Amino acid sequence: VTEGHPKTAFVVSRLIKNTQVGREIREILEEYELPVFTHGTSQRVAYVTSASLGQSVLDSEPKGEAAQEVQSITQELQEFYHG
């Protein structure tokens, strides 16, 4: 909390790579003058598959790209919160 306000940042989720919006999203979000996390999630089948199994990607595909995305966000979030 800074001066009575919670820490706030953007995390890009369901990014569709190799699209115009995908290339511009961080630049667009920076106009709001809030931090934008370096890491985010991409639109991946693994998220839907794991949810249909009642699991997270960390359970269903712990070494997969989706799990790596979640782990990267988690690490960045911890650094943001404690930093």
N, C-alpha and C. Protein backbone atom coordinates (compact mmCIF):
# COMPACT_ATOMS: atom_id res chain seq x y z
N VAL A 1 0.85 -1.18 0.00
CA VAL A 1 0.00 0.00 0.00
C VAL A 1 0.89 1.24 0.00
N THR A 2 0.63 2.14 -0.91
CA THR A 2 1.38 3.37 -1.03
C THR A 2 0.44 4.54 -0.81
N GLU A 3 0.72 5.34 0.20
CA GLU A 3 -0.09 6.52 0.51
C GLU A 3 -1.58 6.19 0.55
N GLY A 4 -1.94 5.07 1.19
CA GLY A 4 -3.34 4.69 1.31
C GLY A 4 -3.93 3.99 0.11
N HIS A 5 -3.13 3.76 -0.93
CA HIS A 5 -3.62 3.09 -2.14
C HIS A 5 -2.91 1.74 -2.29
N PRO A 6 -3.63 0.72 -2.72
CA PRO A 6 -2.97 -0.58 -2.94
C PRO A 6 -2.02 -0.50 -4.13
N LYS A 7 -1.00 -1.34 -4.11
CA LYS A 7 -0.11 -1.44 -5.27
C LYS A 7 -0.92 -2.03 -6.44
N THR A 8 -0.75 -1.46 -7.60
CA THR A 8 -1.53 -1.87 -8.75
C THR A 8 -0.62 -2.01 -9.96
N ALA A 9 -0.88 -3.04 -10.75
CA ALA A 9 -0.13 -3.25 -11.98
C ALA A 9 -0.99 -4.05 -12.95
N PHE A 10 -0.64 -3.98 -14.21
CA PHE A 10 -1.31 -4.78 -15.23
C PHE A 10 -0.54 -6.07 -15.46
N VAL A 11 -1.28 -7.16 -15.65
CA VAL A 11 -0.73 -8.43 -16.10
C VAL A 11 -1.50 -8.79 -17.36
N VAL A 12 -0.81 -8.90 -18.47
CA VAL A 12 -1.46 -9.24 -19.73
C VAL A 12 -1.79 -10.72 -19.72
N SER A 13 -3.06 -11.03 -20.01
CA SER A 13 -3.47 -12.43 -20.06
C SER A 13 -4.11 -12.74 -21.41
N ARG A 14 -3.98 -14.00 -21.78
CA ARG A 14 -4.55 -14.52 -23.03
C ARG A 14 -4.03 -13.77 -24.25
N LEU A 15 -2.78 -13.34 -24.19
CA LEU A 15 -2.16 -12.67 -25.32
C LEU A 15 -2.14 -13.59 -26.52
N ILE A 16 -2.56 -13.08 -27.65
CA ILE A 16 -2.48 -13.85 -28.89
C ILE A 16 -1.23 -13.35 -29.61
N LYS A 17 -0.22 -14.21 -29.62
CA LYS A 17 1.06 -13.82 -30.20
C LYS A 17 0.94 -13.61 -31.70
N ASN A 18 1.86 -12.79 -32.21
CA ASN A 18 1.95 -12.49 -33.63
C ASN A 18 0.70 -11.81 -34.18
N THR A 19 0.05 -10.99 -33.34
CA THR A 19 -1.07 -10.17 -33.80
C THR A 19 -0.72 -8.71 -33.54
N GLN A 20 -1.41 -7.81 -34.21
CA GLN A 20 -1.16 -6.38 -34.03
C GLN A 20 -1.41 -5.97 -32.58
N VAL A 21 -2.53 -6.39 -32.01
CA VAL A 21 -2.83 -6.04 -30.62
C VAL A 21 -1.80 -6.66 -29.69
N GLY A 22 -1.38 -7.86 -29.99
CA GLY A 22 -0.36 -8.51 -29.18
C GLY A 22 0.93 -7.72 -29.15
N ARG A 23 1.26 -7.12 -30.26
CA ARG A 23 2.49 -6.32 -30.32
C ARG A 23 2.34 -4.97 -29.62
N GLU A 24 1.13 -4.44 -29.59
CA GLU A 24 0.91 -3.08 -29.08
C GLU A 24 0.39 -3.01 -27.65
N ILE A 25 -0.03 -4.12 -27.07
CA ILE A 25 -0.76 -4.08 -25.80
C ILE A 25 0.01 -3.41 -24.66
N ARG A 26 1.27 -3.71 -24.50
CA ARG A 26 2.03 -3.10 -23.40
C ARG A 26 2.14 -1.58 -23.59
N GLU A 27 2.36 -1.18 -24.80
CA GLU A 27 2.45 0.25 -25.11
C GLU A 27 1.12 0.95 -24.78
N ILE A 28 0.01 0.31 -25.12
CA ILE A 28 -1.31 0.86 -24.84
C ILE A 28 -1.52 0.96 -23.33
N LEU A 29 -1.18 -0.10 -22.60
CA LEU A 29 -1.39 -0.12 -21.15
C LEU A 29 -0.52 0.89 -20.43
N GLU A 30 0.67 1.16 -20.95
CA GLU A 30 1.57 2.13 -20.31
C GLU A 30 0.97 3.53 -20.29
N GLU A 31 0.00 3.81 -21.14
CA GLU A 31 -0.67 5.11 -21.15
C GLU A 31 -1.44 5.34 -19.85
N TYR A 32 -1.76 4.28 -19.12
CA TYR A 32 -2.48 4.39 -17.85
C TYR A 32 -1.55 4.74 -16.69
N GLU A 33 -0.28 4.83 -16.94
CA GLU A 33 0.72 5.20 -15.95
C GLU A 33 0.75 4.25 -14.75
N LEU A 34 0.53 2.97 -15.01
CA LEU A 34 0.67 1.91 -14.02
C LEU A 34 1.71 0.94 -14.54
N PRO A 35 2.42 0.25 -13.65
CA PRO A 35 3.38 -0.74 -14.12
C PRO A 35 2.69 -1.84 -14.93
N VAL A 36 3.42 -2.36 -15.90
CA VAL A 36 2.95 -3.48 -16.70
C VAL A 36 3.95 -4.60 -16.51
N PHE A 37 3.48 -5.73 -15.99
CA PHE A 37 4.38 -6.86 -15.78
C PHE A 37 5.01 -7.30 -17.09
N THR A 38 6.24 -7.72 -17.01
CA THR A 38 6.95 -8.25 -18.17
C THR A 38 6.34 -9.58 -18.60
N HIS A 39 5.92 -10.37 -17.60
CA HIS A 39 5.38 -11.70 -17.88
C HIS A 39 3.86 -11.68 -17.87
N GLY A 40 3.27 -12.57 -18.66
CA GLY A 40 1.83 -12.71 -18.72
C GLY A 40 1.49 -14.09 -19.27
N THR A 41 0.24 -14.28 -19.63
CA THR A 41 -0.16 -15.56 -20.21
C THR A 41 -0.51 -15.38 -21.67
N SER A 42 -0.33 -16.45 -22.41
CA SER A 42 -0.72 -16.49 -23.82
C SER A 42 -1.96 -17.36 -23.94
N GLN A 43 -2.66 -17.21 -25.03
CA GLN A 43 -3.83 -18.05 -25.25
C GLN A 43 -3.32 -19.45 -25.60
N ARG A 44 -3.55 -20.39 -24.69
CA ARG A 44 -3.04 -21.75 -24.84
C ARG A 44 -4.13 -22.77 -24.51
N VAL A 45 -4.12 -23.86 -25.23
CA VAL A 45 -5.05 -24.95 -24.98
C VAL A 45 -4.82 -25.55 -23.60
N ALA A 46 -3.60 -25.53 -23.10
CA ALA A 46 -3.27 -26.13 -21.81
C ALA A 46 -4.12 -25.56 -20.68
N TYR A 47 -4.47 -24.27 -20.73
CA TYR A 47 -5.30 -23.68 -19.68
C TYR A 47 -6.71 -24.28 -19.68
N VAL A 48 -7.27 -24.46 -20.86
CA VAL A 48 -8.61 -25.04 -20.97
C VAL A 48 -8.58 -26.51 -20.58
N THR A 49 -7.58 -27.22 -21.05
CA THR A 49 -7.47 -28.65 -20.75
C THR A 49 -7.33 -28.88 -19.25
N SER A 50 -6.46 -28.14 -18.61
CA SER A 50 -6.26 -28.34 -17.17
C SER A 50 -7.51 -27.96 -16.39
N ALA A 51 -8.19 -26.89 -16.79
CA ALA A 51 -9.42 -26.49 -16.09
C ALA A 51 -10.49 -27.56 -16.24
N SER A 52 -10.58 -28.17 -17.41
CA SER A 52 -11.59 -29.22 -17.61
C SER A 52 -11.31 -30.44 -16.74
N LEU A 53 -10.06 -30.60 -16.33
CA LEU A 53 -9.67 -31.70 -15.44
C LEU A 53 -9.76 -31.30 -13.97
N GLY A 54 -10.14 -30.04 -13.72
CA GLY A 54 -10.20 -29.55 -12.35
C GLY A 54 -8.82 -29.30 -11.77
N GLN A 55 -7.87 -29.00 -12.63
CA GLN A 55 -6.50 -28.78 -12.21
C GLN A 55 -6.00 -27.44 -12.71
N SER A 56 -4.81 -27.07 -12.26
CA SER A 56 -4.12 -25.92 -12.85
C SER A 56 -3.05 -26.48 -13.79
N VAL A 57 -2.49 -25.61 -14.60
CA VAL A 57 -1.42 -26.07 -15.49
C VAL A 57 -0.19 -26.50 -14.71
N LEU A 58 -0.08 -26.01 -13.48
CA LEU A 58 1.05 -26.44 -12.64
C LEU A 58 0.90 -27.91 -12.25
N ASP A 59 -0.34 -28.40 -12.20
CA ASP A 59 -0.60 -29.81 -11.90
C ASP A 59 -0.57 -30.67 -13.15
N SER A 60 -1.28 -30.23 -14.19
CA SER A 60 -1.45 -31.08 -15.37
C SER A 60 -0.24 -31.11 -16.29
N GLU A 61 0.46 -30.00 -16.40
CA GLU A 61 1.64 -29.92 -17.27
C GLU A 61 2.72 -29.10 -16.58
N PRO A 62 3.29 -29.60 -15.49
CA PRO A 62 4.21 -28.79 -14.69
C PRO A 62 5.47 -28.31 -15.43
N LYS A 63 5.83 -28.95 -16.51
CA LYS A 63 7.01 -28.52 -17.26
C LYS A 63 6.63 -27.84 -18.58
N GLY A 64 5.34 -27.61 -18.77
CA GLY A 64 4.86 -27.00 -20.01
C GLY A 64 5.04 -25.50 -20.03
N GLU A 65 4.81 -24.91 -21.21
CA GLU A 65 4.97 -23.47 -21.39
C GLU A 65 3.97 -22.68 -20.55
N ALA A 66 2.74 -23.18 -20.41
CA ALA A 66 1.74 -22.48 -19.61
C ALA A 66 2.16 -22.44 -18.14
N ALA A 67 2.67 -23.54 -17.63
CA ALA A 67 3.16 -23.57 -16.24
C ALA A 67 4.32 -22.59 -16.07
N GLN A 68 5.18 -22.51 -17.06
CA GLN A 68 6.30 -21.56 -16.99
C GLN A 68 5.78 -20.12 -16.95
N GLU A 69 4.71 -19.84 -17.72
CA GLU A 69 4.12 -18.50 -17.68
C GLU A 69 3.62 -18.17 -16.28
N VAL A 70 2.89 -19.10 -15.68
CA VAL A 70 2.33 -18.88 -14.34
C VAL A 70 3.44 -18.70 -13.32
N GLN A 71 4.47 -19.51 -13.41
CA GLN A 71 5.59 -19.39 -12.47
C GLN A 71 6.31 -18.06 -12.64
N SER A 72 6.45 -17.59 -13.86
CA SER A 72 7.10 -16.31 -14.11
C SER A 72 6.27 -15.15 -13.55
N ILE A 73 4.95 -15.22 -13.73
CA ILE A 73 4.07 -14.19 -13.16
C ILE A 73 4.17 -14.21 -11.64
N THR A 74 4.16 -15.39 -11.06
CA THR A 74 4.24 -15.51 -9.60
C THR A 74 5.51 -14.88 -9.07
N GLN A 75 6.63 -15.17 -9.72
CA GLN A 75 7.91 -14.60 -9.28
C GLN A 75 7.90 -13.07 -9.43
N GLU A 76 7.40 -12.59 -10.56
CA GLU A 76 7.35 -11.14 -10.77
C GLU A 76 6.41 -10.47 -9.77
N LEU A 77 5.30 -11.12 -9.47
CA LEU A 77 4.36 -10.60 -8.48
C LEU A 77 4.98 -10.48 -7.10
N GLN A 78 5.73 -11.50 -6.72
CA GLN A 78 6.41 -11.46 -5.41
C GLN A 78 7.42 -10.32 -5.37
N GLU A 79 8.18 -10.15 -6.44
CA GLU A 79 9.16 -9.05 -6.49
C GLU A 79 8.44 -7.70 -6.46
N PHE A 80 7.34 -7.59 -7.16
CA PHE A 80 6.57 -6.35 -7.19
C PHE A 80 6.01 -6.02 -5.82
N TYR A 81 5.45 -7.02 -5.17
CA TYR A 81 4.81 -6.81 -3.87
C TYR A 81 5.83 -6.47 -2.79
N HIS A 82 6.94 -7.19 -2.79
CA HIS A 82 7.94 -7.00 -1.72
C HIS A 82 8.98 -5.94 -2.06
N GLY A 83 9.06 -5.56 -3.33
CA GLY A 83 10.10 -4.63 -3.76
C GLY A 83 9.75 -3.24 -3.63
